N, C-alpha and C. Protein backbone atom coordinates (compact mmCIF):
# COMPACT_ATOMS: atom_id res chain seq x y z
N MET A 1 -12.28 -2.56 33.56
CA MET A 1 -12.41 -2.72 32.11
C MET A 1 -12.48 -4.20 31.74
N PRO A 2 -13.30 -4.56 30.75
CA PRO A 2 -13.37 -5.98 30.34
C PRO A 2 -12.09 -6.41 29.65
N GLN A 3 -11.67 -7.62 29.99
CA GLN A 3 -10.42 -8.13 29.41
C GLN A 3 -10.64 -8.49 27.94
N MET A 4 -9.74 -8.01 27.09
CA MET A 4 -9.86 -8.30 25.66
C MET A 4 -9.50 -9.75 25.37
N ALA A 5 -10.09 -10.29 24.32
CA ALA A 5 -9.78 -11.66 23.91
C ALA A 5 -8.35 -11.70 23.36
N PRO A 6 -7.65 -12.81 23.52
CA PRO A 6 -6.25 -12.89 23.08
C PRO A 6 -6.08 -12.81 21.56
N TYR A 7 -7.16 -13.01 20.80
CA TYR A 7 -7.00 -12.96 19.34
C TYR A 7 -7.30 -11.58 18.77
N ASN A 8 -7.72 -10.64 19.62
CA ASN A 8 -8.08 -9.32 19.10
C ASN A 8 -6.87 -8.57 18.56
N TRP A 9 -5.75 -8.60 19.30
CA TRP A 9 -4.58 -7.83 18.85
C TRP A 9 -4.02 -8.41 17.56
N SER A 10 -4.00 -9.74 17.43
CA SER A 10 -3.48 -10.34 16.20
C SER A 10 -4.43 -10.09 15.03
N LEU A 11 -5.74 -10.08 15.31
CA LEU A 11 -6.71 -9.80 14.25
C LEU A 11 -6.56 -8.37 13.74
N TYR A 12 -6.45 -7.43 14.67
CA TYR A 12 -6.26 -6.03 14.25
C TYR A 12 -4.93 -5.84 13.54
N LEU A 13 -3.90 -6.54 13.99
CA LEU A 13 -2.58 -6.42 13.36
C LEU A 13 -2.62 -6.95 11.93
N THR A 14 -3.28 -8.09 11.71
CA THR A 14 -3.37 -8.63 10.35
C THR A 14 -4.22 -7.72 9.46
N LEU A 15 -5.27 -7.11 10.02
CA LEU A 15 -6.07 -6.18 9.21
C LEU A 15 -5.26 -4.96 8.80
N ILE A 16 -4.46 -4.44 9.72
CA ILE A 16 -3.62 -3.28 9.40
C ILE A 16 -2.57 -3.66 8.36
N ILE A 17 -1.96 -4.84 8.50
CA ILE A 17 -0.95 -5.28 7.53
C ILE A 17 -1.58 -5.50 6.16
N MET A 18 -2.78 -6.09 6.12
CA MET A 18 -3.45 -6.31 4.84
C MET A 18 -3.80 -4.98 4.17
N PHE A 19 -4.25 -4.00 4.95
CA PHE A 19 -4.57 -2.69 4.40
C PHE A 19 -3.31 -2.01 3.87
N PHE A 20 -2.21 -2.14 4.61
CA PHE A 20 -0.94 -1.54 4.18
C PHE A 20 -0.44 -2.20 2.90
N MET A 21 -0.52 -3.53 2.82
CA MET A 21 -0.08 -4.22 1.61
C MET A 21 -0.99 -3.88 0.43
N LEU A 22 -2.28 -3.69 0.69
CA LEU A 22 -3.20 -3.32 -0.38
C LEU A 22 -2.85 -1.94 -0.96
N THR A 23 -2.54 -0.99 -0.08
CA THR A 23 -2.16 0.33 -0.57
C THR A 23 -0.84 0.29 -1.31
N VAL A 24 0.10 -0.51 -0.82
CA VAL A 24 1.40 -0.62 -1.50
C VAL A 24 1.24 -1.27 -2.87
N LEU A 25 0.41 -2.32 -2.96
CA LEU A 25 0.22 -2.99 -4.25
C LEU A 25 -0.49 -2.09 -5.24
N THR A 26 -1.49 -1.35 -4.79
CA THR A 26 -2.19 -0.44 -5.71
C THR A 26 -1.25 0.67 -6.17
N ASN A 27 -0.40 1.15 -5.27
CA ASN A 27 0.57 2.18 -5.64
C ASN A 27 1.57 1.61 -6.65
N TYR A 28 2.01 0.37 -6.43
CA TYR A 28 2.98 -0.24 -7.33
C TYR A 28 2.40 -0.44 -8.73
N PHE A 29 1.16 -0.94 -8.80
CA PHE A 29 0.55 -1.19 -10.11
C PHE A 29 0.21 0.11 -10.82
N SER A 30 -0.16 1.15 -10.09
CA SER A 30 -0.45 2.43 -10.73
C SER A 30 0.84 3.05 -11.27
N ASN A 31 1.93 2.93 -10.52
CA ASN A 31 3.21 3.45 -11.01
C ASN A 31 3.71 2.62 -12.18
N LEU A 32 3.44 1.32 -12.17
CA LEU A 32 3.86 0.45 -13.27
C LEU A 32 3.12 0.83 -14.54
N SER A 33 1.83 1.08 -14.45
CA SER A 33 1.07 1.49 -15.64
C SER A 33 1.50 2.88 -16.10
N ASN A 34 1.85 3.75 -15.17
CA ASN A 34 2.30 5.09 -15.56
C ASN A 34 3.64 5.03 -16.27
N THR A 35 4.54 4.17 -15.82
CA THR A 35 5.85 4.07 -16.47
C THR A 35 5.72 3.38 -17.82
N LYS A 36 4.74 2.50 -17.97
CA LYS A 36 4.53 1.87 -19.28
C LYS A 36 3.97 2.87 -20.29
N SER A 37 3.09 3.75 -19.85
CA SER A 37 2.48 4.71 -20.77
C SER A 37 3.46 5.82 -21.13
N SER A 38 4.26 6.26 -20.18
CA SER A 38 5.22 7.34 -20.46
C SER A 38 6.61 6.89 -20.04
N THR A 39 7.39 6.41 -20.99
CA THR A 39 8.73 5.92 -20.67
C THR A 39 9.73 7.06 -20.58
N SER A 40 9.44 8.20 -21.19
CA SER A 40 10.38 9.32 -21.15
C SER A 40 10.42 9.95 -19.76
N GLN A 41 9.28 9.93 -19.06
CA GLN A 41 9.25 10.54 -17.73
C GLN A 41 9.83 9.61 -16.66
N SER A 42 10.02 8.35 -16.99
CA SER A 42 10.55 7.42 -16.00
C SER A 42 12.02 7.69 -15.71
N LEU A 43 12.70 8.43 -16.58
CA LEU A 43 14.10 8.74 -16.34
C LEU A 43 14.27 9.76 -15.22
N LYS A 44 13.25 10.57 -14.99
CA LYS A 44 13.33 11.57 -13.93
C LYS A 44 13.02 10.91 -12.58
N PRO A 45 13.89 11.10 -11.59
CA PRO A 45 13.61 10.56 -10.25
C PRO A 45 12.50 11.35 -9.58
N LYS A 46 11.37 10.69 -9.35
CA LYS A 46 10.25 11.38 -8.71
C LYS A 46 9.75 10.55 -7.53
N SER A 47 9.12 11.20 -6.60
CA SER A 47 8.61 10.51 -5.42
C SER A 47 7.39 9.68 -5.80
N LEU A 48 7.06 8.73 -4.94
CA LEU A 48 5.92 7.85 -5.20
C LEU A 48 4.63 8.63 -5.06
N ASN A 49 3.76 8.50 -6.05
CA ASN A 49 2.47 9.18 -6.02
C ASN A 49 1.42 8.28 -5.38
N TRP A 50 1.03 8.59 -4.14
CA TRP A 50 0.01 7.80 -3.46
C TRP A 50 -1.36 8.26 -3.94
N LYS A 51 -2.06 7.37 -4.62
CA LYS A 51 -3.39 7.71 -5.15
C LYS A 51 -4.46 7.08 -4.26
N TRP A 52 -5.20 7.92 -3.56
CA TRP A 52 -6.23 7.40 -2.68
C TRP A 52 -7.56 7.38 -3.41
């Protein structure tokens, strides 16, 4: 098998971390806008809604 370049694993790791942070930030901002629009429902403990 051809030997992988030493920067491949770090490149893939940073891409995965950036994708994870992007999903977390979009989830955070969507939940923030939802709590701003409906403050009465924010009192109920609900799980995080992942919107893809």
